[in-house]
Amino acid sequence: MWAKKGTQPYVPTRSQHQKRLNVFGWVDPVNGFHGMMKAEKGDTTGFLKMLMRIIIRFKGKIIDLWVDNARWHKGERVRKFLLKNRNLH
C-alpha cells in the first residue's frame, strides 16, 4: 500500500475492528509472481521473515529487492542477513 508521506492509508479487511493489521508483501514485476504475509508487528523481525520466504521461493536465483526507507529495512540485523544471503541484493 502506498500513501503520501504523513497520511494513513485505509485497507478494508476482515480482521477485528480497531485492531492493527501488519502485512509484508512483494511483487516480481517481470513474471507476475507475488506474495504477502501477516506479521505480529511491522518491524525488522517481520521483514527478515519475509526476506527468508523470498529466498526460499526463488532458491538459486539472484534477487534484486527494492524497498522504501522504512527503519526496519535497514540496521545491523538486516546487514548481517544480507551478508549470509549473497543472492539477495
N, C-alpha and C. Protein backbone atom coordinates (compact mmCIF):
# COMPACT_ATOMS: atom_id res chain seq x y z
N MET A 1 0.85 -1.17 0.00
CA MET A 1 0.00 0.00 0.00
C MET A 1 0.90 1.23 0.00
N TRP A 2 0.69 2.09 -0.92
CA TRP A 2 1.43 3.34 -0.97
C TRP A 2 0.51 4.47 -0.52
N ALA A 3 1.07 5.40 0.20
CA ALA A 3 0.31 6.56 0.64
C ALA A 3 1.26 7.75 0.72
N LYS A 4 0.70 8.93 0.60
CA LYS A 4 1.51 10.13 0.74
C LYS A 4 2.13 10.18 2.12
N LYS A 5 3.35 10.64 2.20
CA LYS A 5 4.03 10.74 3.49
C LYS A 5 3.19 11.54 4.47
N GLY A 6 3.02 10.97 5.66
CA GLY A 6 2.26 11.63 6.71
C GLY A 6 0.78 11.29 6.72
N THR A 7 0.33 10.48 5.75
CA THR A 7 -1.08 10.09 5.73
C THR A 7 -1.20 8.60 6.07
N GLN A 8 -2.34 8.23 6.60
CA GLN A 8 -2.60 6.84 6.99
C GLN A 8 -3.50 6.20 5.92
N PRO A 9 -3.02 5.18 5.21
CA PRO A 9 -3.89 4.55 4.21
C PRO A 9 -4.98 3.71 4.87
N TYR A 10 -6.08 3.52 4.18
CA TYR A 10 -7.18 2.71 4.67
C TYR A 10 -7.24 1.43 3.84
N VAL A 11 -7.19 0.29 4.50
CA VAL A 11 -7.26 -1.00 3.83
C VAL A 11 -8.39 -1.80 4.46
N PRO A 12 -9.47 -2.07 3.71
CA PRO A 12 -10.55 -2.86 4.28
C PRO A 12 -10.11 -4.32 4.47
N THR A 13 -10.39 -4.87 5.64
CA THR A 13 -10.03 -6.25 5.95
C THR A 13 -11.16 -6.92 6.71
N ARG A 14 -11.03 -8.21 6.90
CA ARG A 14 -11.98 -8.96 7.72
C ARG A 14 -11.47 -9.12 9.15
N SER A 15 -10.43 -8.40 9.50
CA SER A 15 -9.87 -8.51 10.84
C SER A 15 -10.79 -7.84 11.86
N GLN A 16 -10.47 -8.05 13.12
CA GLN A 16 -11.29 -7.46 14.18
C GLN A 16 -11.20 -5.94 14.13
N HIS A 17 -12.30 -5.29 14.42
CA HIS A 17 -12.35 -3.84 14.37
C HIS A 17 -11.38 -3.22 15.38
N GLN A 18 -10.84 -2.09 15.00
CA GLN A 18 -9.95 -1.31 15.86
C GLN A 18 -8.63 -2.01 16.16
N LYS A 19 -8.30 -3.07 15.42
CA LYS A 19 -7.02 -3.75 15.61
C LYS A 19 -6.13 -3.46 14.41
N ARG A 20 -4.88 -3.29 14.68
CA ARG A 20 -3.91 -3.04 13.63
C ARG A 20 -3.57 -4.34 12.91
N LEU A 21 -3.42 -4.28 11.59
CA LEU A 21 -3.04 -5.42 10.79
C LEU A 21 -1.73 -5.08 10.08
N ASN A 22 -0.68 -5.83 10.37
CA ASN A 22 0.62 -5.61 9.74
C ASN A 22 0.84 -6.67 8.67
N VAL A 23 1.18 -6.22 7.47
CA VAL A 23 1.46 -7.16 6.38
C VAL A 23 2.75 -6.74 5.67
N PHE A 24 3.44 -7.74 5.16
CA PHE A 24 4.60 -7.53 4.30
C PHE A 24 4.26 -8.18 2.96
N GLY A 25 4.69 -7.58 1.88
CA GLY A 25 4.40 -8.15 0.58
C GLY A 25 5.52 -7.89 -0.41
N TRP A 26 5.50 -8.64 -1.49
CA TRP A 26 6.49 -8.49 -2.54
C TRP A 26 5.84 -8.78 -3.89
N VAL A 27 6.46 -8.25 -4.96
CA VAL A 27 5.97 -8.45 -6.32
C VAL A 27 7.17 -8.67 -7.23
N ASP A 28 7.05 -9.65 -8.12
CA ASP A 28 8.01 -9.85 -9.19
C ASP A 28 7.36 -9.26 -10.44
N PRO A 29 7.71 -8.01 -10.81
CA PRO A 29 7.00 -7.35 -11.91
C PRO A 29 7.29 -7.96 -13.28
N VAL A 30 8.36 -8.70 -13.42
CA VAL A 30 8.70 -9.31 -14.70
C VAL A 30 7.82 -10.53 -14.98
N ASN A 31 7.68 -11.41 -13.97
CA ASN A 31 6.95 -12.66 -14.16
C ASN A 31 5.55 -12.66 -13.54
N GLY A 32 5.23 -11.64 -12.77
CA GLY A 32 3.89 -11.54 -12.20
C GLY A 32 3.70 -12.29 -10.90
N PHE A 33 4.75 -12.88 -10.35
CA PHE A 33 4.62 -13.57 -9.07
C PHE A 33 4.47 -12.53 -7.96
N HIS A 34 3.81 -12.91 -6.88
CA HIS A 34 3.65 -12.00 -5.75
C HIS A 34 3.37 -12.81 -4.48
N GLY A 35 3.55 -12.18 -3.35
CA GLY A 35 3.29 -12.83 -2.08
C GLY A 35 3.03 -11.80 -1.00
N MET A 36 2.36 -12.26 0.05
CA MET A 36 2.05 -11.39 1.17
C MET A 36 2.00 -12.25 2.42
N MET A 37 2.40 -11.68 3.53
CA MET A 37 2.30 -12.39 4.80
C MET A 37 1.92 -11.43 5.91
N LYS A 38 1.13 -11.94 6.85
CA LYS A 38 0.77 -11.18 8.04
C LYS A 38 1.92 -11.26 9.02
N ALA A 39 2.10 -10.22 9.79
CA ALA A 39 3.14 -10.20 10.81
C ALA A 39 2.57 -9.63 12.10
N GLU A 40 3.09 -10.11 13.21
CA GLU A 40 2.64 -9.60 14.50
C GLU A 40 2.89 -8.11 14.62
N LYS A 41 4.07 -7.69 14.14
CA LYS A 41 4.45 -6.28 14.16
C LYS A 41 5.08 -5.93 12.82
N GLY A 42 4.99 -4.66 12.46
CA GLY A 42 5.69 -4.17 11.28
C GLY A 42 7.08 -3.75 11.72
N ASP A 43 7.97 -4.74 11.85
CA ASP A 43 9.30 -4.47 12.38
C ASP A 43 10.36 -5.29 11.64
N THR A 44 11.59 -5.19 12.08
CA THR A 44 12.70 -5.89 11.44
C THR A 44 12.50 -7.39 11.46
N THR A 45 11.99 -7.94 12.55
CA THR A 45 11.77 -9.39 12.63
C THR A 45 10.82 -9.85 11.54
N GLY A 46 9.70 -9.15 11.36
CA GLY A 46 8.76 -9.49 10.30
C GLY A 46 9.36 -9.34 8.92
N PHE A 47 10.14 -8.28 8.72
CA PHE A 47 10.81 -8.04 7.44
C PHE A 47 11.77 -9.17 7.11
N LEU A 48 12.56 -9.61 8.10
CA LEU A 48 13.52 -10.69 7.87
C LEU A 48 12.81 -12.01 7.58
N LYS A 49 11.66 -12.25 8.19
CA LYS A 49 10.88 -13.46 7.88
C LYS A 49 10.41 -13.42 6.43
N MET A 50 9.98 -12.24 5.99
CA MET A 50 9.55 -12.12 4.60
C MET A 50 10.72 -12.33 3.64
N LEU A 51 11.89 -11.78 3.98
CA LEU A 51 13.07 -11.98 3.13
C LEU A 51 13.40 -13.47 3.02
N MET A 52 13.28 -14.20 4.12
CA MET A 52 13.57 -15.63 4.10
C MET A 52 12.58 -16.35 3.18
N ARG A 53 11.32 -15.97 3.22
CA ARG A 53 10.32 -16.57 2.32
C ARG A 53 10.67 -16.31 0.85
N ILE A 54 11.12 -15.08 0.56
CA ILE A 54 11.51 -14.74 -0.81
C ILE A 54 12.70 -15.59 -1.24
N ILE A 55 13.68 -15.74 -0.37
CA ILE A 55 14.87 -16.53 -0.69
C ILE A 55 14.49 -17.98 -0.97
N ILE A 56 13.60 -18.54 -0.15
CA ILE A 56 13.15 -19.92 -0.35
C ILE A 56 12.38 -20.04 -1.67
N ARG A 57 11.51 -19.07 -1.94
CA ARG A 57 10.69 -19.09 -3.16
C ARG A 57 11.54 -19.04 -4.42
N PHE A 58 12.63 -18.26 -4.38
CA PHE A 58 13.49 -18.06 -5.55
C PHE A 58 14.87 -18.66 -5.32
N LYS A 59 14.90 -19.84 -4.72
CA LYS A 59 16.16 -20.52 -4.40
C LYS A 59 17.04 -20.66 -5.65
N GLY A 60 18.31 -20.31 -5.48
CA GLY A 60 19.27 -20.42 -6.58
C GLY A 60 19.24 -19.27 -7.56
N LYS A 61 18.41 -18.28 -7.34
CA LYS A 61 18.31 -17.13 -8.24
C LYS A 61 18.91 -15.89 -7.57
N ILE A 62 19.38 -14.97 -8.39
CA ILE A 62 19.81 -13.67 -7.88
C ILE A 62 18.55 -12.81 -7.74
N ILE A 63 18.39 -12.19 -6.58
CA ILE A 63 17.19 -11.41 -6.28
C ILE A 63 17.57 -9.95 -6.07
N ASP A 64 17.04 -9.07 -6.90
CA ASP A 64 17.20 -7.63 -6.70
C ASP A 64 15.94 -7.14 -6.02
N LEU A 65 16.07 -6.70 -4.78
CA LEU A 65 14.92 -6.28 -3.98
C LEU A 65 14.98 -4.77 -3.78
N TRP A 66 13.87 -4.10 -4.08
CA TRP A 66 13.76 -2.66 -3.88
C TRP A 66 12.80 -2.42 -2.72
N VAL A 67 13.25 -1.66 -1.74
CA VAL A 67 12.42 -1.35 -0.57
C VAL A 67 12.40 0.15 -0.35
N ASP A 68 11.44 0.62 0.44
CA ASP A 68 11.41 2.04 0.76
C ASP A 68 12.37 2.30 1.92
N ASN A 69 12.29 3.45 2.49
CA ASN A 69 13.27 3.86 3.50
C ASN A 69 12.78 3.61 4.93
N ALA A 70 11.90 2.61 5.11
CA ALA A 70 11.41 2.31 6.46
C ALA A 70 12.57 1.88 7.36
N ARG A 71 12.49 2.22 8.62
CA ARG A 71 13.59 1.93 9.55
C ARG A 71 13.85 0.43 9.69
N TRP A 72 12.82 -0.41 9.52
CA TRP A 72 13.01 -1.86 9.67
C TRP A 72 13.65 -2.49 8.43
N HIS A 73 13.86 -1.71 7.36
CA HIS A 73 14.54 -2.21 6.17
C HIS A 73 16.05 -2.04 6.26
N LYS A 74 16.52 -1.48 7.34
CA LYS A 74 17.96 -1.24 7.50
C LYS A 74 18.39 -1.59 8.91
N GLY A 75 19.64 -1.46 9.18
CA GLY A 75 20.13 -1.76 10.52
C GLY A 75 21.05 -2.97 10.51
N GLU A 76 21.64 -3.23 11.64
CA GLU A 76 22.65 -4.27 11.78
C GLU A 76 22.10 -5.67 11.48
N ARG A 77 20.91 -5.98 11.95
CA ARG A 77 20.34 -7.32 11.70
C ARG A 77 20.11 -7.55 10.21
N VAL A 78 19.65 -6.53 9.51
CA VAL A 78 19.44 -6.65 8.06
C VAL A 78 20.77 -6.80 7.35
N ARG A 79 21.77 -6.02 7.73
CA ARG A 79 23.11 -6.14 7.11
C ARG A 79 23.67 -7.54 7.30
N LYS A 80 23.56 -8.09 8.50
CA LYS A 80 24.06 -9.45 8.76
C LYS A 80 23.31 -10.47 7.92
N PHE A 81 22.00 -10.31 7.79
CA PHE A 81 21.19 -11.22 6.99
C PHE A 81 21.65 -11.19 5.52
N LEU A 82 21.90 -9.98 4.99
CA LEU A 82 22.33 -9.86 3.61
C LEU A 82 23.72 -10.43 3.38
N LEU A 83 24.58 -10.33 4.38
CA LEU A 83 25.92 -10.94 4.26
C LEU A 83 25.84 -12.47 4.17
N LYS A 84 24.88 -13.06 4.87
CA LYS A 84 24.71 -14.52 4.85
C LYS A 84 23.98 -14.98 3.60
N ASN A 85 23.19 -14.11 3.01
CA ASN A 85 22.38 -14.47 1.84
C ASN A 85 22.79 -13.61 0.66
N ARG A 86 23.91 -13.97 0.05
CA ARG A 86 24.53 -13.16 -1.00
C ARG A 86 23.73 -13.07 -2.30
N ASN A 87 22.71 -13.94 -2.47
CA ASN A 87 21.92 -13.87 -3.69
C ASN A 87 20.83 -12.79 -3.61
N LEU A 88 20.70 -12.14 -2.46
CA LEU A 88 19.72 -11.08 -2.26
C LEU A 88 20.45 -9.74 -2.25
N HIS A 89 20.06 -8.87 -3.17
CA HIS A 89 20.70 -7.55 -3.30
C HIS A 89 19.69 -6.46 -3.03
